[in-house]
Every structure is written in structure tokens, then in C-alpha cells.
Amino acid sequence: MRELYRVLKPNGWAILQSPIDISRETTYEDSSIIAPHERELAFGQEDQVRLYGRDYADRLKRAGFMVKIDNYVSQFSDSLIRRYGLDKKESIYFCMKK
């Protein structure tokens, strides 16, 4: 997150998506899990190293971003949601560099 913030131009913005488990209060991380099949079991995908919880926006803010959480996806038709691989219940994290 800090690297994304660093490389973003001043007044730049980004829409950041990552797997988030809203049933988790905090992000789950375990650096000892290195095997792809174990990562898939722990984090839902073999190429993930953490599973973000409801603290995702706070973590983005700590990296320096101003964060707006938006339910914009709910405005799309079902066909557009399928076309772009979105989840109707997923929030968008619109991040701006201060």
C-alpha cells in the first residue's frame, strides 16, 4: 500500500480492490505460509499473502491515502457486473494521494 501511495502522482487517485472478508474485524496475515496450496486454504487464493478484514480502509489511510468507500457497483446492471467480474455487494475503495 505504501508503494502504491509512493508511485501515485500528486493528487492522483486509484481504485483498489483486494479480497476482503467482511466477517473479519482485522486482516489475517501469516508469513510462515509459503506453499501455494496452503495459501489457497488460508487466504482463498494461492497467490495471496493476507486476507483483509474490515480494517482495509484504515490500512489504506495509514499508508497515506484519503479513502472514500463507495457502493457504486450496485448501480450496474447484472450483465455489466458479470462482464467486468464485479461483485454487487463489494464496495469500491477510491483512494487519493494527499
PDB file of N, CA and C in Angstrom:
ATOM      1  N   MET A   1       0.823  -1.187   0.000  1.00  0.00           N
ATOM      2  CA  MET A   1       0.000   0.000   0.000  1.00  0.00           C
ATOM      3  C   MET A   1       0.872   1.257   0.000  1.00  0.00           C
ATOM      4  N   ARG A   2       1.939   1.220   0.798  1.00  0.00           N
ATOM      5  CA  ARG A   2       2.828   2.386   0.841  1.00  0.00           C
ATOM      6  C   ARG A   2       3.506   2.603  -0.513  1.00  0.00           C
ATOM      7  N   GLU A   3       3.836   1.501  -1.201  1.00  0.00           N
ATOM      8  CA  GLU A   3       4.466   1.632  -2.512  1.00  0.00           C
ATOM      9  C   GLU A   3       3.478   2.200  -3.533  1.00  0.00           C
ATOM     10  N   LEU A   4       2.233   1.773  -3.473  1.00  0.00           N
ATOM     11  CA  LEU A   4       1.220   2.344  -4.359  1.00  0.00           C
ATOM     12  C   LEU A   4       1.077   3.845  -4.108  1.00  0.00           C
ATOM     13  N   TYR A   5       1.070   4.206  -2.844  1.00  0.00           N
ATOM     14  CA  TYR A   5       0.970   5.620  -2.498  1.00  0.00           C
ATOM     15  C   TYR A   5       2.193   6.383  -3.022  1.00  0.00           C
ATOM     16  N   ARG A   6       3.366   5.806  -2.854  1.00  0.00           N
ATOM     17  CA  ARG A   6       4.606   6.472  -3.269  1.00  0.00           C
ATOM     18  C   ARG A   6       4.630   6.747  -4.772  1.00  0.00           C
ATOM     19  N   VAL A   7       4.213   5.771  -5.582  1.00  0.00           N
ATOM     20  CA  VAL A   7       4.331   5.928  -7.032  1.00  0.00           C
ATOM     21  C   VAL A   7       3.173   6.703  -7.665  1.00  0.00           C
ATOM     22  N   LEU A   8       2.124   6.920  -6.914  1.00  0.00           N
ATOM     23  CA  LEU A   8       0.996   7.691  -7.434  1.00  0.00           C
ATOM     24  C   LEU A   8       1.384   9.168  -7.497  1.00  0.00           C
ATOM     25  N   LYS A   9       1.055   9.820  -8.600  1.00  0.00           N
ATOM     26  CA  LYS A   9       1.420  11.226  -8.748  1.00  0.00           C
ATOM     27  C   LYS A   9       0.636  12.078  -7.743  1.00  0.00           C
ATOM     28  N   PRO A  10       1.140  13.270  -7.413  1.00  0.00           N
ATOM     29  CA  PRO A  10       0.406  14.158  -6.507  1.00  0.00           C
ATOM     30  C   PRO A  10      -1.010  14.408  -7.034  1.00  0.00           C
ATOM     31  N   ASN A  11      -1.974  14.363  -6.158  1.00  0.00           N
ATOM     32  CA  ASN A  11      -3.396  14.499  -6.471  1.00  0.00           C
ATOM     33  C   ASN A  11      -3.921  13.355  -7.340  1.00  0.00           C
ATOM     34  N   GLY A  12      -3.134  12.296  -7.468  1.00  0.00           N
ATOM     35  CA  GLY A  12      -3.568  11.130  -8.226  1.00  0.00           C
ATOM     36  C   GLY A  12      -4.574  10.315  -7.438  1.00  0.00           C
ATOM     37  N   TRP A  13      -5.226   9.393  -8.145  1.00  0.00           N
ATOM     38  CA  TRP A  13      -6.226   8.554  -7.481  1.00  0.00           C
ATOM     39  C   TRP A  13      -6.119   7.129  -8.003  1.00  0.00           C
ATOM     40  N   ALA A  14      -6.639   6.203  -7.214  1.00  0.00           N
ATOM     41  CA  ALA A  14      -6.638   4.788  -7.583  1.00  0.00           C
ATOM     42  C   ALA A  14      -7.880   4.130  -7.000  1.00  0.00           C
ATOM     43  N   ILE A  15      -8.388   3.158  -7.720  1.00  0.00           N
ATOM     44  CA  ILE A  15      -9.447   2.306  -7.191  1.00  0.00           C
ATOM     45  C   ILE A  15      -8.773   0.985  -6.864  1.00  0.00           C
ATOM     46  N   LEU A  16      -8.732   0.651  -5.586  1.00  0.00           N
ATOM     47  CA  LEU A  16      -8.001  -0.530  -5.136  1.00  0.00           C
ATOM     48  C   LEU A  16      -8.971  -1.626  -4.727  1.00  0.00           C
ATOM     49  N   GLN A  17      -8.753  -2.792  -5.303  1.00  0.00           N
ATOM     50  CA  GLN A  17      -9.569  -3.956  -4.973  1.00  0.00           C
ATOM     51  C   GLN A  17      -8.655  -5.076  -4.502  1.00  0.00           C
ATOM     52  N   SER A  18      -9.084  -5.759  -3.509  1.00  0.00           N
ATOM     53  CA  SER A  18      -8.368  -6.899  -2.976  1.00  0.00           C
ATOM     54  C   SER A  18      -9.391  -7.780  -2.275  1.00  0.00           C
ATOM     55  N   PRO A  19      -9.121  -9.080  -2.178  1.00  0.00           N
ATOM     56  CA  PRO A  19     -10.072  -9.924  -1.434  1.00  0.00           C
ATOM     57  C   PRO A  19     -10.236  -9.426   0.003  1.00  0.00           C
ATOM     58  N   ILE A  20     -11.474  -9.216   0.393  1.00  0.00           N
ATOM     59  CA  ILE A  20     -11.787  -8.741   1.747  1.00  0.00           C
ATOM     60  C   ILE A  20     -12.842  -9.660   2.339  1.00  0.00           C
ATOM     61  N   ASP A  21     -12.592 -10.099   3.557  1.00  0.00           N
ATOM     62  CA  ASP A  21     -13.564 -10.907   4.295  1.00  0.00           C
ATOM     63  C   ASP A  21     -14.209  -9.986   5.321  1.00  0.00           C
ATOM     64  N   ILE A  22     -15.408  -9.499   5.004  1.00  0.00           N
ATOM     65  CA  ILE A  22     -16.045  -8.525   5.900  1.00  0.00           C
ATOM     66  C   ILE A  22     -16.487  -9.137   7.224  1.00  0.00           C
ATOM     67  N   SER A  23     -16.420 -10.449   7.339  1.00  0.00           N
ATOM     68  CA  SER A  23     -16.735 -11.064   8.631  1.00  0.00           C
ATOM     69  C   SER A  23     -15.544 -10.966   9.595  1.00  0.00           C
ATOM     70  N   ARG A  24     -14.366 -10.626   9.068  1.00  0.00           N
ATOM     71  CA  ARG A  24     -13.162 -10.474   9.892  1.00  0.00           C
ATOM     72  C   ARG A  24     -13.016  -9.012  10.302  1.00  0.00           C
ATOM     73  N   GLU A  25     -12.788  -8.782  11.575  1.00  0.00           N
ATOM     74  CA  GLU A  25     -12.561  -7.415  12.044  1.00  0.00           C
ATOM     75  C   GLU A  25     -11.206  -6.897  11.557  1.00  0.00           C
ATOM     76  N   THR A  26     -10.193  -7.756  11.622  1.00  0.00           N
ATOM     77  CA  THR A  26      -8.849  -7.347  11.237  1.00  0.00           C
ATOM     78  C   THR A  26      -8.289  -8.281  10.164  1.00  0.00           C
ATOM     79  N   THR A  27      -7.295  -7.796   9.489  1.00  0.00           N
ATOM     80  CA  THR A  27      -6.622  -8.533   8.423  1.00  0.00           C
ATOM     81  C   THR A  27      -5.861  -9.718   9.001  1.00  0.00           C
ATOM     82  N   TYR A  28      -5.944 -10.850   8.292  1.00  0.00           N
ATOM     83  CA  TYR A  28      -5.228 -12.061   8.688  1.00  0.00           C
ATOM     84  C   TYR A  28      -3.979 -12.185   7.822  1.00  0.00           C
ATOM     85  N   GLU A  29      -2.827 -12.256   8.470  1.00  0.00           N
ATOM     86  CA  GLU A  29      -1.555 -12.427   7.788  1.00  0.00           C
ATOM     87  C   GLU A  29      -0.748 -13.488   8.516  1.00  0.00           C
ATOM     88  N   ASP A  30      -0.035 -14.307   7.772  1.00  0.00           N
ATOM     89  CA  ASP A  30       0.853 -15.299   8.358  1.00  0.00           C
ATOM     90  C   ASP A  30       1.970 -15.557   7.356  1.00  0.00           C
ATOM     91  N   SER A  31       3.127 -14.932   7.571  1.00  0.00           N
ATOM     92  CA  SER A  31       4.240 -15.023   6.627  1.00  0.00           C
ATOM     93  C   SER A  31       4.876 -16.405   6.578  1.00  0.00           C
ATOM     94  N   SER A  32       4.525 -17.268   7.515  1.00  0.00           N
ATOM     95  CA  SER A  32       5.091 -18.620   7.502  1.00  0.00           C
ATOM     96  C   SER A  32       4.393 -19.522   6.480  1.00  0.00           C
ATOM     97  N   ILE A  33       3.259 -19.093   5.964  1.00  0.00           N
ATOM     98  CA  ILE A  33       2.528 -19.875   4.958  1.00  0.00           C
ATOM     99  C   ILE A  33       3.115 -19.520   3.589  1.00  0.00           C
ATOM    100  N   ILE A  34       3.848 -20.467   2.995  1.00  0.00           N
ATOM    101  CA  ILE A  34       4.512 -20.174   1.725  1.00  0.00           C
ATOM    102  C   ILE A  34       4.107 -21.110   0.588  1.00  0.00           C
ATOM    103  N   ALA A  35       3.600 -22.289   0.903  1.00  0.00           N
ATOM    104  CA  ALA A  35       3.189 -23.229  -0.141  1.00  0.00           C
ATOM    105  C   ALA A  35       1.896 -22.741  -0.789  1.00  0.00           C
ATOM    106  N   PRO A  36       1.838 -22.756  -2.121  1.00  0.00           N
ATOM    107  CA  PRO A  36       0.638 -22.252  -2.801  1.00  0.00           C
ATOM    108  C   PRO A  36      -0.667 -22.900  -2.332  1.00  0.00           C
ATOM    109  N   HIS A  37      -0.690 -24.207  -2.128  1.00  0.00           N
ATOM    110  CA  HIS A  37      -1.934 -24.858  -1.696  1.00  0.00           C
ATOM    111  C   HIS A  37      -2.324 -24.447  -0.284  1.00  0.00           C
ATOM    112  N   GLU A  38      -1.336 -24.178   0.566  1.00  0.00           N
ATOM    113  CA  GLU A  38      -1.633 -23.707   1.926  1.00  0.00           C
ATOM    114  C   GLU A  38      -2.139 -22.265   1.901  1.00  0.00           C
ATOM    115  N   ARG A  39      -1.576 -21.459   0.995  1.00  0.00           N
ATOM    116  CA  ARG A  39      -2.060 -20.071   0.847  1.00  0.00           C
ATOM    117  C   ARG A  39      -3.502 -20.056   0.354  1.00  0.00           C
ATOM    118  N   GLU A  40      -3.812 -20.959  -0.554  1.00  0.00           N
ATOM    119  CA  GLU A  40      -5.193 -21.018  -1.036  1.00  0.00           C
ATOM    120  C   GLU A  40      -6.146 -21.363   0.098  1.00  0.00           C
ATOM    121  N   LEU A  41      -5.751 -22.289   0.954  1.00  0.00           N
ATOM    122  CA  LEU A  41      -6.589 -22.649   2.101  1.00  0.00           C
ATOM    123  C   LEU A  41      -6.729 -21.493   3.085  1.00  0.00           C
ATOM    124  N   ALA A  42      -5.630 -20.801   3.348  1.00  0.00           N
ATOM    125  CA  ALA A  42      -5.633 -19.748   4.364  1.00  0.00           C
ATOM    126  C   ALA A  42      -6.229 -18.434   3.867  1.00  0.00           C
ATOM    127  N   PHE A  43      -5.914 -18.081   2.596  1.00  0.00           N
ATOM    128  CA  PHE A  43      -6.257 -16.744   2.107  1.00  0.00           C
ATOM    129  C   PHE A  43      -7.230 -16.744   0.932  1.00  0.00           C
ATOM    130  N   GLY A  44      -7.624 -17.930   0.463  1.00  0.00           N
ATOM    131  CA  GLY A  44      -8.608 -18.017  -0.613  1.00  0.00           C
ATOM    132  C   GLY A  44      -8.031 -18.073  -2.009  1.00  0.00           C
ATOM    133  N   GLN A  45      -6.747 -17.749  -2.161  1.00  0.00           N
ATOM    134  CA  GLN A  45      -6.071 -17.797  -3.459  1.00  0.00           C
ATOM    135  C   GLN A  45      -4.614 -18.163  -3.207  1.00  0.00           C
ATOM    136  N   GLU A  46      -4.038 -18.909  -4.121  1.00  0.00           N
ATOM    137  CA  GLU A  46      -2.663 -19.369  -3.904  1.00  0.00           C
ATOM    138  C   GLU A  46      -1.622 -18.266  -4.037  1.00  0.00           C
ATOM    139  N   ASP A  47      -1.985 -17.152  -4.661  1.00  0.00           N
ATOM    140  CA  ASP A  47      -1.022 -16.061  -4.827  1.00  0.00           C
ATOM    141  C   ASP A  47      -1.215 -14.937  -3.804  1.00  0.00           C
ATOM    142  N   GLN A  48      -2.040 -15.152  -2.799  1.00  0.00           N
ATOM    143  CA  GLN A  48      -2.277 -14.139  -1.763  1.00  0.00           C
ATOM    144  C   GLN A  48      -1.409 -14.401  -0.549  1.00  0.00           C
ATOM    145  N   VAL A  49      -1.090 -13.345   0.184  1.00  0.00           N
ATOM    146  CA  VAL A  49      -0.286 -13.468   1.401  1.00  0.00           C
ATOM    147  C   VAL A  49      -1.021 -12.930   2.622  1.00  0.00           C
ATOM    148  N   ARG A  50      -2.255 -12.464   2.400  1.00  0.00           N
ATOM    149  CA  ARG A  50      -3.077 -11.980   3.517  1.00  0.00           C
ATOM    150  C   ARG A  50      -4.529 -11.991   3.078  1.00  0.00           C
ATOM    151  N   LEU A  51      -5.406 -11.925   4.068  1.00  0.00           N
ATOM    152  CA  LEU A  51      -6.834 -11.783   3.806  1.00  0.00           C
ATOM    153  C   LEU A  51      -7.289 -10.569   4.592  1.00  0.00           C
ATOM    154  N   TYR A  52      -7.608  -9.513   3.855  1.00  0.00           N
ATOM    155  CA  TYR A  52      -8.004  -8.269   4.503  1.00  0.00           C
ATOM    156  C   TYR A  52      -9.345  -8.432   5.206  1.00  0.00           C
ATOM    157  N   GLY A  53      -9.467  -7.712   6.312  1.00  0.00           N
ATOM    158  CA  GLY A  53     -10.708  -7.652   7.063  1.00  0.00           C
ATOM    159  C   GLY A  53     -11.314  -6.266   6.938  1.00  0.00           C
ATOM    160  N   ARG A  54     -12.210  -5.957   7.873  1.00  0.00           N
ATOM    161  CA  ARG A  54     -12.885  -4.663   7.835  1.00  0.00           C
ATOM    162  C   ARG A  54     -11.936  -3.497   8.102  1.00  0.00           C
ATOM    163  N   ASP A  55     -10.691  -3.783   8.453  1.00  0.00           N
ATOM    164  CA  ASP A  55      -9.702  -2.730   8.683  1.00  0.00           C
ATOM    165  C   ASP A  55      -8.991  -2.290   7.395  1.00  0.00           C
ATOM    166  N   TYR A  56      -9.455  -2.775   6.239  1.00  0.00           N
ATOM    167  CA  TYR A  56      -8.808  -2.466   4.954  1.00  0.00           C
ATOM    168  C   TYR A  56      -8.685  -0.955   4.736  1.00  0.00           C
ATOM    169  N   ALA A  57      -9.762  -0.214   4.910  1.00  0.00           N
ATOM    170  CA  ALA A  57      -9.720   1.241   4.702  1.00  0.00           C
ATOM    171  C   ALA A  57      -8.756   1.907   5.680  1.00  0.00           C
ATOM    172  N   ASP A  58      -8.727   1.449   6.913  1.00  0.00           N
ATOM    173  CA  ASP A  58      -7.800   2.016   7.901  1.00  0.00           C
ATOM    174  C   ASP A  58      -6.351   1.783   7.480  1.00  0.00           C
ATOM    175  N   ARG A  59      -6.077   0.624   6.931  1.00  0.00           N
ATOM    176  CA  ARG A  59      -4.724   0.319   6.469  1.00  0.00           C
ATOM    177  C   ARG A  59      -4.341   1.221   5.292  1.00  0.00           C
ATOM    178  N   LEU A  60      -5.287   1.466   4.395  1.00  0.00           N
ATOM    179  CA  LEU A  60      -5.031   2.389   3.284  1.00  0.00           C
ATOM    180  C   LEU A  60      -4.759   3.797   3.805  1.00  0.00           C
ATOM    181  N   LYS A  61      -5.518   4.220   4.788  1.00  0.00           N
ATOM    182  CA  LYS A  61      -5.319   5.547   5.379  1.00  0.00           C
ATOM    183  C   LYS A  61      -3.955   5.643   6.044  1.00  0.00           C
ATOM    184  N   ARG A  62      -3.540   4.596   6.751  1.00  0.00           N
ATOM    185  CA  ARG A  62      -2.220   4.603   7.393  1.00  0.00           C
ATOM    186  C   ARG A  62      -1.098   4.677   6.354  1.00  0.00           C
ATOM    187  N   ALA A  63      -1.350   4.193   5.136  1.00  0.00           N
ATOM    188  CA  ALA A  63      -0.359   4.287   4.060  1.00  0.00           C
ATOM    189  C   ALA A  63      -0.310   5.691   3.468  1.00  0.00           C
ATOM    190  N   GLY A  64      -1.264   6.556   3.851  1.00  0.00           N
ATOM    191  CA  GLY A  64      -1.264   7.940   3.406  1.00  0.00           C
ATOM    192  C   GLY A  64      -2.456   8.360   2.566  1.00  0.00           C
ATOM    193  N   PHE A  65      -3.255   7.409   2.118  1.00  0.00           N
ATOM    194  CA  PHE A  65      -4.376   7.726   1.236  1.00  0.00           C
ATOM    195  C   PHE A  65      -5.543   8.385   1.968  1.00  0.00           C
ATOM    196  N   MET A  66      -6.272   9.230   1.248  1.00  0.00           N
ATOM    197  CA  MET A  66      -7.614   9.631   1.642  1.00  0.00           C
ATOM    198  C   MET A  66      -8.511   8.587   0.985  1.00  0.00           C
ATOM    199  N   VAL A  67      -9.456   8.026   1.729  1.00  0.00           N
ATOM    200  CA  VAL A  67     -10.232   6.890   1.230  1.00  0.00           C
ATOM    201  C   VAL A  67     -11.721   7.213   1.252  1.00  0.00           C
ATOM    202  N   LYS A  68     -12.375   6.950   0.124  1.00  0.00           N
ATOM    203  CA  LYS A  68     -13.828   7.040   0.046  1.00  0.00           C
ATOM    204  C   LYS A  68     -14.345   5.643  -0.287  1.00  0.00           C
ATOM    205  N   ILE A  69     -15.214   5.131   0.558  1.00  0.00           N
ATOM    206  CA  ILE A  69     -15.811   3.823   0.316  1.00  0.00           C
ATOM    207  C   ILE A  69     -17.148   4.051  -0.368  1.00  0.00           C
ATOM    208  N   ASP A  70     -17.324   3.412  -1.519  1.00  0.00           N
ATOM    209  CA  ASP A  70     -18.495   3.656  -2.348  1.00  0.00           C
ATOM    210  C   ASP A  70     -19.125   2.334  -2.765  1.00  0.00           C
ATOM    211  N   ASN A  71     -20.436   2.296  -2.779  1.00  0.00           N
ATOM    212  CA  ASN A  71     -21.171   1.111  -3.212  1.00  0.00           C
ATOM    213  C   ASN A  71     -21.592   1.260  -4.673  1.00  0.00           C
ATOM    214  N   TYR A  72     -20.740   1.847  -5.471  1.00  0.00           N
ATOM    215  CA  TYR A  72     -21.015   2.192  -6.862  1.00  0.00           C
ATOM    216  C   TYR A  72     -21.442   0.995  -7.707  1.00  0.00           C
ATOM    217  N   VAL A  73     -20.870  -0.166  -7.430  1.00  0.00           N
ATOM    218  CA  VAL A  73     -21.150  -1.361  -8.235  1.00  0.00           C
ATOM    219  C   VAL A  73     -22.631  -1.701  -8.235  1.00  0.00           C
ATOM    220  N   SER A  74     -23.324  -1.403  -7.171  1.00  0.00           N
ATOM    221  CA  SER A  74     -24.751  -1.751  -7.087  1.00  0.00           C
ATOM    222  C   SER A  74     -25.588  -1.012  -8.132  1.00  0.00           C
ATOM    223  N   GLN A  75     -25.025   0.019  -8.752  1.00  0.00           N
ATOM    224  CA  GLN A  75     -25.747   0.774  -9.778  1.00  0.00           C
ATOM    225  C   GLN A  75     -25.681   0.112 -11.160  1.00  0.00           C
ATOM    226  N   PHE A  76     -24.770  -0.864 -11.328  1.00  0.00           N
ATOM    227  CA  PHE A  76     -24.595  -1.504 -12.633  1.00  0.00           C
ATOM    228  C   PHE A  76     -25.640  -2.582 -12.863  1.00  0.00           C
ATOM    229  N   SER A  77     -25.899  -2.857 -14.112  1.00  0.00           N
ATOM    230  CA  SER A  77     -26.793  -3.961 -14.469  1.00  0.00           C
ATOM    231  C   SER A  77     -26.077  -5.280 -14.188  1.00  0.00           C
ATOM    232  N   ASP A  78     -26.858  -6.346 -14.044  1.00  0.00           N
ATOM    233  CA  ASP A  78     -26.268  -7.652 -13.804  1.00  0.00           C
ATOM    234  C   ASP A  78     -25.321  -8.054 -14.922  1.00  0.00           C
ATOM    235  N   SER A  79     -25.657  -7.705 -16.167  1.00  0.00           N
ATOM    236  CA  SER A  79     -24.788  -8.095 -17.293  1.00  0.00           C
ATOM    237  C   SER A  79     -23.442  -7.365 -17.224  1.00  0.00           C
ATOM    238  N   LEU A  80     -23.428  -6.088 -16.838  1.00  0.00           N
ATOM    239  CA  LEU A  80     -22.158  -5.370 -16.699  1.00  0.00           C
ATOM    240  C   LEU A  80     -21.349  -5.897 -15.517  1.00  0.00           C
ATOM    241  N   ILE A  81     -22.021  -6.253 -14.457  1.00  0.00           N
ATOM    242  CA  ILE A  81     -21.329  -6.815 -13.295  1.00  0.00           C
ATOM    243  C   ILE A  81     -20.626  -8.110 -13.690  1.00  0.00           C
ATOM    244  N   ARG A  82     -21.326  -8.978 -14.436  1.00  0.00           N
ATOM    245  CA  ARG A  82     -20.700 -10.219 -14.916  1.00  0.00           C
ATOM    246  C   ARG A  82     -19.562  -9.917 -15.889  1.00  0.00           C
ATOM    247  N   ARG A  83     -19.789  -8.990 -16.802  1.00  0.00           N
ATOM    248  CA  ARG A  83     -18.798  -8.652 -17.830  1.00  0.00           C
ATOM    249  C   ARG A  83     -17.473  -8.206 -17.215  1.00  0.00           C
ATOM    250  N   TYR A  84     -17.542  -7.406 -16.175  1.00  0.00           N
ATOM    251  CA  TYR A  84     -16.333  -6.861 -15.569  1.00  0.00           C
ATOM    252  C   TYR A  84     -15.878  -7.634 -14.323  1.00  0.00           C
ATOM    253  N   GLY A  85     -16.537  -8.748 -14.028  1.00  0.00           N
ATOM    254  CA  GLY A  85     -16.119  -9.594 -12.914  1.00  0.00           C
ATOM    255  C   GLY A  85     -16.253  -8.927 -11.561  1.00  0.00           C
ATOM    256  N   LEU A  86     -17.295  -8.132 -11.387  1.00  0.00           N
ATOM    257  CA  LEU A  86     -17.520  -7.413 -10.138  1.00  0.00           C
ATOM    258  C   LEU A  86     -18.479  -8.185  -9.239  1.00  0.00           C
ATOM    259  N   ASP A  87     -18.558  -7.771  -8.014  1.00  0.00           N
ATOM    260  CA  ASP A  87     -19.478  -8.339  -7.038  1.00  0.00           C
ATOM    261  C   ASP A  87     -20.418  -7.223  -6.611  1.00  0.00           C
ATOM    262  N   LYS A  88     -21.711  -7.436  -6.776  1.00  0.00           N
ATOM    263  CA  LYS A  88     -22.708  -6.393  -6.489  1.00  0.00           C
ATOM    264  C   LYS A  88     -22.617  -5.899  -5.042  1.00  0.00           C
ATOM    265  N   LYS A  89     -22.174  -6.771  -4.137  1.00  0.00           N
ATOM    266  CA  LYS A  89     -22.096  -6.408  -2.719  1.00  0.00           C
ATOM    267  C   LYS A  89     -20.750  -5.800  -2.332  1.00  0.00           C
ATOM    268  N   GLU A  90     -19.820  -5.765  -3.291  1.00  0.00           N
ATOM    269  CA  GLU A  90     -18.478  -5.277  -2.988  1.00  0.00           C
ATOM    270  C   GLU A  90     -18.422  -3.756  -3.031  1.00  0.00           C
ATOM    271  N   SER A  91     -17.753  -3.187  -2.056  1.00  0.00           N
ATOM    272  CA  SER A  91     -17.530  -1.746  -2.040  1.00  0.00           C
ATOM    273  C   SER A  91     -16.281  -1.417  -2.844  1.00  0.00           C
ATOM    274  N   ILE A  92     -16.253  -0.219  -3.389  1.00  0.00           N
ATOM    275  CA  ILE A  92     -15.092   0.282  -4.102  1.00  0.00           C
ATOM    276  C   ILE A  92     -14.336   1.210  -3.149  1.00  0.00           C
ATOM    277  N   TYR A  93     -13.022   1.038  -3.126  1.00  0.00           N
ATOM    278  CA  TYR A  93     -12.168   1.872  -2.287  1.00  0.00           C
ATOM    279  C   TYR A  93     -11.460   2.870  -3.200  1.00  0.00           C
ATOM    280  N   PHE A  94     -12.003   4.078  -3.245  1.00  0.00           N
ATOM    281  CA  PHE A  94     -11.466   5.162  -4.064  1.00  0.00           C
ATOM    282  C   PHE A  94     -10.430   5.888  -3.210  1.00  0.00           C
ATOM    283  N   CYS A  95      -9.175   5.829  -3.640  1.00  0.00           N
ATOM    284  CA  CYS A  95      -8.071   6.351  -2.838  1.00  0.00           C
ATOM    285  C   CYS A  95      -7.408   7.522  -3.557  1.00  0.00           C
ATOM    286  N   MET A  96      -7.148   8.568  -2.808  1.00  0.00           N
ATOM    287  CA  MET A  96      -6.493   9.749  -3.380  1.00  0.00           C
ATOM    288  C   MET A  96      -5.214  10.045  -2.606  1.00  0.00           C
ATOM    289  N   LYS A  97      -4.215  10.479  -3.352  1.00  0.00           N
ATOM    290  CA  LYS A  97      -2.963  10.884  -2.715  1.00  0.00           C
ATOM    291  C   LYS A  97      -3.114  12.320  -2.256  1.00  0.00           C
ATOM    292  N   LYS A  98      -2.807  12.548  -1.006  1.00  0.00           N
ATOM    293  CA  LYS A  98      -2.925  13.881  -0.412  1.00  0.00           C
ATOM    294  C   LYS A  98      -1.970  14.868  -1.048  1.00  0.00           C
TER     295      LYS A  98
END
